[in-house]
Amino acid sequence: MEDEYVEEMVRRLENLSRGKEEASEIVRRSLGGLEVVHAQKGLLRCKFLIPNDVSDPDGNWHVGAIASLMDTLGVSAAYTSTGLSRLTVDFNISYYSTAKIQEVVEIEAKVVSKREKLTGVVLEVRKTEDSQLIAVGRQWVASSSSSNTKNHPDLSRL
């Protein structure tokens, strides 16, 4: 059953990255070109070619797009761990460097804690070329309390 959650999430992320699943514009733009390279319960590793439409005026990957991608992957990693719909309740990102449009980066989202309805996730974004750290995120996600929520992750709509 746990593998089912992992497989479902990989399928969903791949569909989102290809524009085959309904999502907000920011999520579609932030995930366009995402490739899941490893997935298991509580852990996602992805590669991402930074697309042209998520740049700041200097040609760097926009921090809002980074945050959207990290939030989506954190919620997704939590889902692979529990199979429950999740919502972000606390999110902190530290930015250490920038990445340019058309660079390839690696993102890891790892579940590090579970407390009742809360799941803690740590995320790292690094340049593929030299492993330079771009950002680290710490996120708490909670089970959705809505009785009509379907059994799939609620992705952020920043």
N, C-alpha and C. Protein backbone atom coordinates (compact mmCIF):
# COMPACT_ATOMS: atom_id res chain seq x y z
N MET A 1 0.82 -1.20 0.00
CA MET A 1 0.00 0.00 0.00
C MET A 1 0.87 1.26 0.00
N GLU A 2 1.97 1.27 0.77
CA GLU A 2 2.85 2.43 0.81
C GLU A 2 3.43 2.74 -0.56
N ASP A 3 3.83 1.69 -1.29
CA ASP A 3 4.36 1.89 -2.64
C ASP A 3 3.33 2.53 -3.55
N GLU A 4 2.06 2.24 -3.30
CA GLU A 4 0.98 2.82 -4.08
C GLU A 4 1.00 4.35 -3.96
N TYR A 5 1.23 4.85 -2.74
CA TYR A 5 1.28 6.30 -2.52
C TYR A 5 2.47 6.91 -3.26
N VAL A 6 3.59 6.24 -3.22
CA VAL A 6 4.79 6.73 -3.91
C VAL A 6 4.53 6.77 -5.41
N GLU A 7 4.02 5.68 -5.95
CA GLU A 7 3.75 5.62 -7.40
C GLU A 7 2.73 6.67 -7.82
N GLU A 8 1.70 6.86 -7.01
CA GLU A 8 0.68 7.86 -7.32
C GLU A 8 1.30 9.26 -7.35
N MET A 9 2.16 9.55 -6.38
CA MET A 9 2.76 10.88 -6.32
C MET A 9 3.71 11.11 -7.48
N VAL A 10 4.50 10.12 -7.84
CA VAL A 10 5.41 10.26 -8.98
C VAL A 10 4.60 10.54 -10.24
N ARG A 11 3.53 9.80 -10.43
CA ARG A 11 2.65 10.00 -11.60
C ARG A 11 2.08 11.42 -11.60
N ARG A 12 1.62 11.86 -10.45
CA ARG A 12 1.02 13.20 -10.34
C ARG A 12 2.05 14.29 -10.63
N LEU A 13 3.24 14.18 -10.05
CA LEU A 13 4.28 15.18 -10.30
C LEU A 13 4.68 15.21 -11.76
N GLU A 14 4.82 14.04 -12.37
CA GLU A 14 5.18 13.99 -13.79
C GLU A 14 4.09 14.61 -14.65
N ASN A 15 2.83 14.35 -14.33
CA ASN A 15 1.73 14.97 -15.07
C ASN A 15 1.72 16.48 -14.90
N LEU A 16 1.95 16.95 -13.68
CA LEU A 16 2.02 18.39 -13.44
C LEU A 16 3.16 19.03 -14.22
N SER A 17 4.31 18.37 -14.24
CA SER A 17 5.47 18.94 -14.93
C SER A 17 5.27 19.01 -16.44
N ARG A 18 4.40 18.16 -16.96
CA ARG A 18 4.12 18.15 -18.41
C ARG A 18 2.85 18.93 -18.76
N GLY A 19 2.22 19.54 -17.77
CA GLY A 19 1.00 20.29 -18.02
C GLY A 19 -0.21 19.43 -18.28
N LYS A 20 -0.17 18.17 -17.86
CA LYS A 20 -1.27 17.23 -18.12
C LYS A 20 -2.27 17.15 -16.98
N GLU A 21 -2.05 17.92 -15.93
CA GLU A 21 -2.96 17.90 -14.79
C GLU A 21 -3.28 19.34 -14.41
N GLU A 22 -4.51 19.55 -13.99
CA GLU A 22 -4.95 20.89 -13.64
C GLU A 22 -4.21 21.39 -12.40
N ALA A 23 -3.73 22.62 -12.48
CA ALA A 23 -3.03 23.25 -11.36
C ALA A 23 -3.05 24.76 -11.59
N SER A 24 -2.72 25.50 -10.56
CA SER A 24 -2.64 26.95 -10.71
C SER A 24 -1.48 27.30 -11.65
N GLU A 25 -1.52 28.49 -12.19
CA GLU A 25 -0.48 28.91 -13.12
C GLU A 25 0.91 28.88 -12.48
N ILE A 26 1.02 29.33 -11.24
CA ILE A 26 2.33 29.35 -10.59
C ILE A 26 2.87 27.94 -10.40
N VAL A 27 2.01 26.99 -10.06
CA VAL A 27 2.46 25.60 -9.90
C VAL A 27 2.88 25.04 -11.24
N ARG A 28 2.08 25.29 -12.29
CA ARG A 28 2.45 24.80 -13.63
C ARG A 28 3.79 25.36 -14.07
N ARG A 29 3.98 26.65 -13.89
CA ARG A 29 5.26 27.26 -14.29
C ARG A 29 6.42 26.76 -13.44
N SER A 30 6.18 26.64 -12.15
CA SER A 30 7.25 26.25 -11.23
C SER A 30 7.69 24.81 -11.41
N LEU A 31 6.79 23.95 -11.89
CA LEU A 31 7.11 22.53 -12.03
C LEU A 31 7.41 22.10 -13.46
N GLY A 32 7.26 22.99 -14.42
CA GLY A 32 7.48 22.62 -15.82
C GLY A 32 8.88 22.08 -16.04
N GLY A 33 8.99 20.83 -16.46
CA GLY A 33 10.29 20.22 -16.71
C GLY A 33 10.86 19.43 -15.54
N LEU A 34 10.11 19.31 -14.46
CA LEU A 34 10.58 18.54 -13.30
C LEU A 34 10.67 17.06 -13.65
N GLU A 35 11.73 16.41 -13.20
CA GLU A 35 11.91 14.97 -13.42
C GLU A 35 12.18 14.30 -12.07
N VAL A 36 11.36 13.35 -11.69
CA VAL A 36 11.57 12.59 -10.46
C VAL A 36 12.61 11.52 -10.77
N VAL A 37 13.75 11.57 -10.07
CA VAL A 37 14.82 10.59 -10.32
C VAL A 37 14.85 9.48 -9.27
N HIS A 38 14.27 9.73 -8.09
CA HIS A 38 14.20 8.70 -7.05
C HIS A 38 13.01 9.01 -6.16
N ALA A 39 12.26 7.98 -5.83
CA ALA A 39 11.11 8.16 -4.94
C ALA A 39 10.95 6.93 -4.07
N GLN A 40 10.77 7.18 -2.79
CA GLN A 40 10.44 6.12 -1.84
C GLN A 40 9.63 6.76 -0.73
N LYS A 41 9.15 5.95 0.18
CA LYS A 41 8.34 6.47 1.27
C LYS A 41 9.10 7.57 2.01
N GLY A 42 8.55 8.79 2.00
CA GLY A 42 9.13 9.90 2.74
C GLY A 42 10.32 10.57 2.08
N LEU A 43 10.62 10.25 0.82
CA LEU A 43 11.80 10.83 0.16
C LEU A 43 11.56 10.99 -1.33
N LEU A 44 11.81 12.20 -1.83
CA LEU A 44 11.77 12.48 -3.26
C LEU A 44 13.06 13.16 -3.66
N ARG A 45 13.65 12.71 -4.77
CA ARG A 45 14.80 13.39 -5.37
C ARG A 45 14.43 13.70 -6.81
N CYS A 46 14.64 14.95 -7.19
CA CYS A 46 14.23 15.39 -8.52
C CYS A 46 15.33 16.21 -9.18
N LYS A 47 15.31 16.22 -10.52
CA LYS A 47 16.13 17.12 -11.31
C LYS A 47 15.19 18.12 -11.96
N PHE A 48 15.70 19.32 -12.16
CA PHE A 48 14.85 20.37 -12.69
C PHE A 48 15.67 21.29 -13.57
N LEU A 49 15.27 21.41 -14.83
CA LEU A 49 15.86 22.38 -15.75
C LEU A 49 15.05 23.66 -15.59
N ILE A 50 15.70 24.69 -15.09
CA ILE A 50 14.99 25.94 -14.77
C ILE A 50 14.49 26.58 -16.07
N PRO A 51 13.16 26.71 -16.22
CA PRO A 51 12.60 27.25 -17.46
C PRO A 51 12.73 28.77 -17.55
N ASN A 52 12.61 29.28 -18.75
CA ASN A 52 12.78 30.71 -19.00
C ASN A 52 11.73 31.58 -18.32
N ASP A 53 10.53 31.06 -18.12
CA ASP A 53 9.45 31.90 -17.61
C ASP A 53 9.39 32.02 -16.09
N VAL A 54 10.45 31.61 -15.38
CA VAL A 54 10.48 31.77 -13.92
C VAL A 54 11.72 32.56 -13.49
N SER A 55 12.06 33.55 -14.29
CA SER A 55 13.27 34.33 -13.98
C SER A 55 12.92 35.68 -13.35
N ASP A 56 13.89 36.20 -12.61
CA ASP A 56 13.78 37.56 -12.12
C ASP A 56 14.38 38.49 -13.19
N PRO A 57 14.40 39.80 -12.98
CA PRO A 57 14.93 40.71 -14.01
C PRO A 57 16.40 40.48 -14.36
N ASP A 58 17.16 39.82 -13.48
CA ASP A 58 18.58 39.57 -13.73
C ASP A 58 18.85 38.21 -14.38
N GLY A 59 17.80 37.47 -14.71
CA GLY A 59 17.97 36.15 -15.33
C GLY A 59 18.22 35.03 -14.35
N ASN A 60 18.01 35.32 -13.06
CA ASN A 60 18.14 34.28 -12.03
C ASN A 60 16.79 33.60 -11.82
N TRP A 61 16.83 32.39 -11.28
CA TRP A 61 15.62 31.67 -10.90
C TRP A 61 14.93 32.49 -9.82
N HIS A 62 13.69 32.88 -10.04
CA HIS A 62 12.95 33.73 -9.12
C HIS A 62 12.70 32.99 -7.80
N VAL A 63 12.93 33.69 -6.68
CA VAL A 63 12.79 33.05 -5.37
C VAL A 63 11.36 32.58 -5.11
N GLY A 64 10.37 33.26 -5.66
CA GLY A 64 8.99 32.80 -5.50
C GLY A 64 8.74 31.48 -6.20
N ALA A 65 9.35 31.30 -7.36
CA ALA A 65 9.23 30.03 -8.09
C ALA A 65 9.95 28.91 -7.35
N ILE A 66 11.09 29.25 -6.74
CA ILE A 66 11.82 28.26 -5.92
C ILE A 66 10.93 27.83 -4.76
N ALA A 67 10.32 28.80 -4.08
CA ALA A 67 9.46 28.50 -2.93
C ALA A 67 8.27 27.64 -3.34
N SER A 68 7.65 27.96 -4.46
CA SER A 68 6.51 27.18 -4.93
C SER A 68 6.89 25.73 -5.21
N LEU A 69 8.02 25.55 -5.89
CA LEU A 69 8.49 24.19 -6.18
C LEU A 69 8.81 23.43 -4.89
N MET A 70 9.50 24.09 -3.97
CA MET A 70 9.85 23.44 -2.70
C MET A 70 8.60 23.07 -1.90
N ASP A 71 7.63 23.97 -1.86
CA ASP A 71 6.39 23.69 -1.13
C ASP A 71 5.67 22.48 -1.72
N THR A 72 5.56 22.45 -3.02
CA THR A 72 4.89 21.33 -3.69
C THR A 72 5.60 20.02 -3.42
N LEU A 73 6.93 20.02 -3.50
CA LEU A 73 7.67 18.78 -3.27
C LEU A 73 7.64 18.36 -1.80
N GLY A 74 7.62 19.31 -0.88
CA GLY A 74 7.51 18.97 0.54
C GLY A 74 6.18 18.31 0.86
N VAL A 75 5.10 18.88 0.36
CA VAL A 75 3.78 18.29 0.56
C VAL A 75 3.73 16.90 -0.09
N SER A 76 4.35 16.78 -1.25
CA SER A 76 4.37 15.50 -1.97
C SER A 76 5.15 14.43 -1.22
N ALA A 77 6.29 14.80 -0.64
CA ALA A 77 7.07 13.85 0.15
C ALA A 77 6.28 13.38 1.37
N ALA A 78 5.58 14.31 2.01
CA ALA A 78 4.75 13.94 3.16
C ALA A 78 3.65 12.97 2.74
N TYR A 79 3.06 13.20 1.58
CA TYR A 79 2.02 12.30 1.08
C TYR A 79 2.55 10.89 0.88
N THR A 80 3.76 10.76 0.34
CA THR A 80 4.31 9.42 0.11
C THR A 80 4.50 8.67 1.42
N SER A 81 4.62 9.41 2.51
CA SER A 81 4.84 8.81 3.82
C SER A 81 3.55 8.34 4.48
N THR A 82 2.43 9.02 4.17
CA THR A 82 1.19 8.73 4.89
C THR A 82 0.01 8.40 4.00
N GLY A 83 0.02 8.87 2.76
CA GLY A 83 -1.13 8.69 1.88
C GLY A 83 -2.29 9.61 2.20
N LEU A 84 -2.06 10.58 3.07
CA LEU A 84 -3.11 11.53 3.45
C LEU A 84 -2.89 12.86 2.77
N SER A 85 -3.98 13.56 2.49
CA SER A 85 -3.89 14.91 1.94
C SER A 85 -3.20 15.80 2.95
N ARG A 86 -2.39 16.70 2.45
CA ARG A 86 -1.59 17.55 3.34
C ARG A 86 -1.69 19.02 2.94
N LEU A 87 -1.56 19.89 3.93
CA LEU A 87 -1.53 21.33 3.74
C LEU A 87 -0.35 21.90 4.52
N THR A 88 0.36 22.84 3.94
CA THR A 88 1.48 23.47 4.63
C THR A 88 0.96 24.38 5.73
N VAL A 89 1.52 24.23 6.94
CA VAL A 89 1.15 25.10 8.05
C VAL A 89 2.32 25.97 8.51
N ASP A 90 3.54 25.60 8.16
CA ASP A 90 4.72 26.40 8.49
C ASP A 90 5.80 26.10 7.46
N PHE A 91 6.45 27.16 6.96
CA PHE A 91 7.43 26.97 5.90
C PHE A 91 8.49 28.05 6.03
N ASN A 92 9.75 27.63 6.08
CA ASN A 92 10.87 28.56 6.22
C ASN A 92 11.92 28.18 5.19
N ILE A 93 12.39 29.15 4.41
CA ILE A 93 13.43 28.89 3.41
C ILE A 93 14.60 29.83 3.65
N SER A 94 15.80 29.28 3.62
CA SER A 94 17.03 30.08 3.64
C SER A 94 17.66 29.95 2.26
N TYR A 95 17.95 31.10 1.65
CA TYR A 95 18.57 31.12 0.32
C TYR A 95 20.06 31.40 0.46
N TYR A 96 20.89 30.61 -0.21
CA TYR A 96 22.34 30.73 -0.08
C TYR A 96 23.02 31.19 -1.36
N SER A 97 22.44 30.91 -2.51
CA SER A 97 23.02 31.35 -3.78
C SER A 97 21.91 31.38 -4.82
N THR A 98 22.26 31.75 -6.02
CA THR A 98 21.28 31.83 -7.10
C THR A 98 21.59 30.79 -8.17
N ALA A 99 20.63 30.60 -9.03
CA ALA A 99 20.82 29.74 -10.20
C ALA A 99 20.25 30.49 -11.39
N LYS A 100 20.84 30.31 -12.53
CA LYS A 100 20.41 30.98 -13.75
C LYS A 100 19.39 30.13 -14.50
N ILE A 101 18.63 30.79 -15.32
CA ILE A 101 17.69 30.11 -16.20
C ILE A 101 18.48 29.13 -17.07
N GLN A 102 17.89 27.97 -17.32
CA GLN A 102 18.45 26.87 -18.11
C GLN A 102 19.55 26.08 -17.39
N GLU A 103 19.80 26.39 -16.10
CA GLU A 103 20.68 25.53 -15.31
C GLU A 103 19.86 24.34 -14.80
N VAL A 104 20.56 23.26 -14.52
CA VAL A 104 19.91 22.08 -13.95
C VAL A 104 20.22 22.04 -12.46
N VAL A 105 19.16 21.83 -11.67
CA VAL A 105 19.33 21.74 -10.22
C VAL A 105 18.74 20.41 -9.74
N GLU A 106 19.16 20.02 -8.54
CA GLU A 106 18.64 18.82 -7.89
C GLU A 106 17.91 19.25 -6.63
N ILE A 107 16.78 18.64 -6.39
CA ILE A 107 15.98 18.95 -5.22
C ILE A 107 15.73 17.66 -4.46
N GLU A 108 15.94 17.70 -3.14
CA GLU A 108 15.63 16.56 -2.29
C GLU A 108 14.63 17.01 -1.24
N ALA A 109 13.56 16.25 -1.09
CA ALA A 109 12.55 16.49 -0.05
C ALA A 109 12.49 15.24 0.80
N LYS A 110 12.76 15.40 2.11
CA LYS A 110 12.86 14.24 3.00
C LYS A 110 12.03 14.45 4.26
N VAL A 111 11.17 13.49 4.56
CA VAL A 111 10.40 13.52 5.80
C VAL A 111 11.36 13.22 6.95
N VAL A 112 11.39 14.10 7.95
CA VAL A 112 12.31 13.93 9.07
C VAL A 112 11.61 13.78 10.41
N SER A 113 10.30 14.04 10.45
CA SER A 113 9.59 13.97 11.72
C SER A 113 8.10 13.76 11.49
N LYS A 114 7.48 13.05 12.42
CA LYS A 114 6.02 12.89 12.41
C LYS A 114 5.53 13.05 13.83
N ARG A 115 4.54 13.91 14.00
CA ARG A 115 3.94 14.14 15.32
C ARG A 115 2.43 14.27 15.13
N GLU A 116 1.71 13.26 15.52
CA GLU A 116 0.25 13.23 15.36
C GLU A 116 -0.12 13.57 13.92
N LYS A 117 -0.80 14.70 13.71
CA LYS A 117 -1.22 15.07 12.35
C LYS A 117 -0.18 15.88 11.59
N LEU A 118 0.96 16.16 12.22
CA LEU A 118 2.00 16.98 11.58
C LEU A 118 3.13 16.11 11.04
N THR A 119 3.66 16.51 9.91
CA THR A 119 4.82 15.86 9.31
C THR A 119 5.85 16.93 8.99
N GLY A 120 7.09 16.73 9.43
CA GLY A 120 8.18 17.66 9.15
C GLY A 120 8.98 17.21 7.95
N VAL A 121 9.28 18.15 7.07
CA VAL A 121 10.03 17.86 5.85
C VAL A 121 11.18 18.85 5.74
N VAL A 122 12.36 18.35 5.35
CA VAL A 122 13.50 19.21 5.05
C VAL A 122 13.78 19.09 3.56
N LEU A 123 14.01 20.23 2.92
CA LEU A 123 14.27 20.26 1.48
C LEU A 123 15.59 20.95 1.21
N GLU A 124 16.32 20.44 0.23
CA GLU A 124 17.56 21.07 -0.23
C GLU A 124 17.51 21.22 -1.74
N VAL A 125 17.97 22.36 -2.22
CA VAL A 125 18.11 22.60 -3.65
C VAL A 125 19.58 22.89 -3.92
N ARG A 126 20.17 22.15 -4.86
CA ARG A 126 21.58 22.30 -5.20
C ARG A 126 21.76 22.34 -6.71
N LYS A 127 22.80 23.05 -7.14
CA LYS A 127 23.17 23.02 -8.55
C LYS A 127 23.72 21.64 -8.87
N THR A 128 23.32 21.09 -9.99
CA THR A 128 23.80 19.76 -10.39
C THR A 128 25.28 19.79 -10.74
N GLU A 129 25.70 20.85 -11.39
CA GLU A 129 27.08 20.94 -11.89
C GLU A 129 28.13 20.85 -10.80
N ASP A 130 27.94 21.59 -9.69
CA ASP A 130 28.98 21.65 -8.66
C ASP A 130 28.45 21.41 -7.24
N SER A 131 27.20 21.01 -7.10
CA SER A 131 26.55 20.74 -5.80
C SER A 131 26.45 21.96 -4.91
N GLN A 132 26.60 23.16 -5.47
CA GLN A 132 26.48 24.38 -4.68
C GLN A 132 25.06 24.49 -4.13
N LEU A 133 24.96 24.77 -2.83
CA LEU A 133 23.67 24.89 -2.16
C LEU A 133 22.97 26.18 -2.59
N ILE A 134 21.74 26.06 -3.03
CA ILE A 134 20.94 27.21 -3.42
C ILE A 134 19.98 27.59 -2.30
N ALA A 135 19.27 26.59 -1.76
CA ALA A 135 18.28 26.88 -0.71
C ALA A 135 18.04 25.65 0.15
N VAL A 136 17.67 25.92 1.41
CA VAL A 136 17.25 24.88 2.35
C VAL A 136 15.90 25.30 2.90
N GLY A 137 14.96 24.37 2.91
CA GLY A 137 13.63 24.65 3.44
C GLY A 137 13.28 23.70 4.57
N ARG A 138 12.54 24.23 5.53
CA ARG A 138 12.00 23.42 6.62
C ARG A 138 10.49 23.65 6.61
N GLN A 139 9.76 22.56 6.57
CA GLN A 139 8.32 22.67 6.35
C GLN A 139 7.57 21.73 7.28
N TRP A 140 6.47 22.22 7.82
CA TRP A 140 5.53 21.38 8.56
C TRP A 140 4.25 21.33 7.75
N VAL A 141 3.77 20.12 7.53
CA VAL A 141 2.51 19.94 6.83
C VAL A 141 1.56 19.15 7.73
N ALA A 142 0.27 19.45 7.61
CA ALA A 142 -0.74 18.81 8.46
C ALA A 142 -1.75 18.08 7.60
N SER A 143 -2.36 17.06 8.18
CA SER A 143 -3.45 16.36 7.51
C SER A 143 -4.60 17.33 7.33
N SER A 144 -5.21 17.28 6.17
CA SER A 144 -6.37 18.10 5.90
C SER A 144 -7.52 17.65 6.78
N SER A 145 -8.23 18.60 7.38
CA SER A 145 -9.34 18.24 8.27
C SER A 145 -10.68 18.25 7.56
N SER A 146 -10.70 18.67 6.30
CA SER A 146 -11.95 18.72 5.55
C SER A 146 -12.48 17.32 5.28
N SER A 147 -13.75 17.11 5.57
CA SER A 147 -14.33 15.78 5.37
C SER A 147 -14.55 15.44 3.91
N ASN A 148 -14.56 16.44 3.02
CA ASN A 148 -14.79 16.15 1.61
C ASN A 148 -13.50 16.19 0.79
N THR A 149 -12.36 16.17 1.45
CA THR A 149 -11.08 16.17 0.74
C THR A 149 -10.82 14.78 0.18
N LYS A 150 -10.44 14.73 -1.10
CA LYS A 150 -10.11 13.45 -1.71
C LYS A 150 -8.76 12.98 -1.18
N ASN A 151 -8.48 11.72 -1.34
CA ASN A 151 -7.24 11.13 -0.85
C ASN A 151 -6.09 11.39 -1.82
N HIS A 152 -5.78 12.65 -2.02
CA HIS A 152 -4.61 13.04 -2.80
C HIS A 152 -4.08 14.34 -2.22
N PRO A 153 -2.83 14.68 -2.48
CA PRO A 153 -2.24 15.85 -1.83
C PRO A 153 -2.82 17.15 -2.34
N ASP A 154 -3.01 18.06 -1.43
CA ASP A 154 -3.41 19.40 -1.80
C ASP A 154 -2.14 20.18 -2.05
N LEU A 155 -1.89 20.52 -3.30
CA LEU A 155 -0.67 21.23 -3.65
C LEU A 155 -0.87 22.71 -3.39
N SER A 156 0.17 23.37 -2.98
CA SER A 156 0.12 24.78 -2.65
C SER A 156 -0.39 25.61 -3.82
N ARG A 157 -1.13 26.63 -3.51
CA ARG A 157 -1.62 27.56 -4.53
C ARG A 157 -1.10 28.96 -4.20
N LEU A 158 0.18 29.08 -3.93
CA LEU A 158 0.77 30.37 -3.53
C LEU A 158 0.27 31.46 -4.35
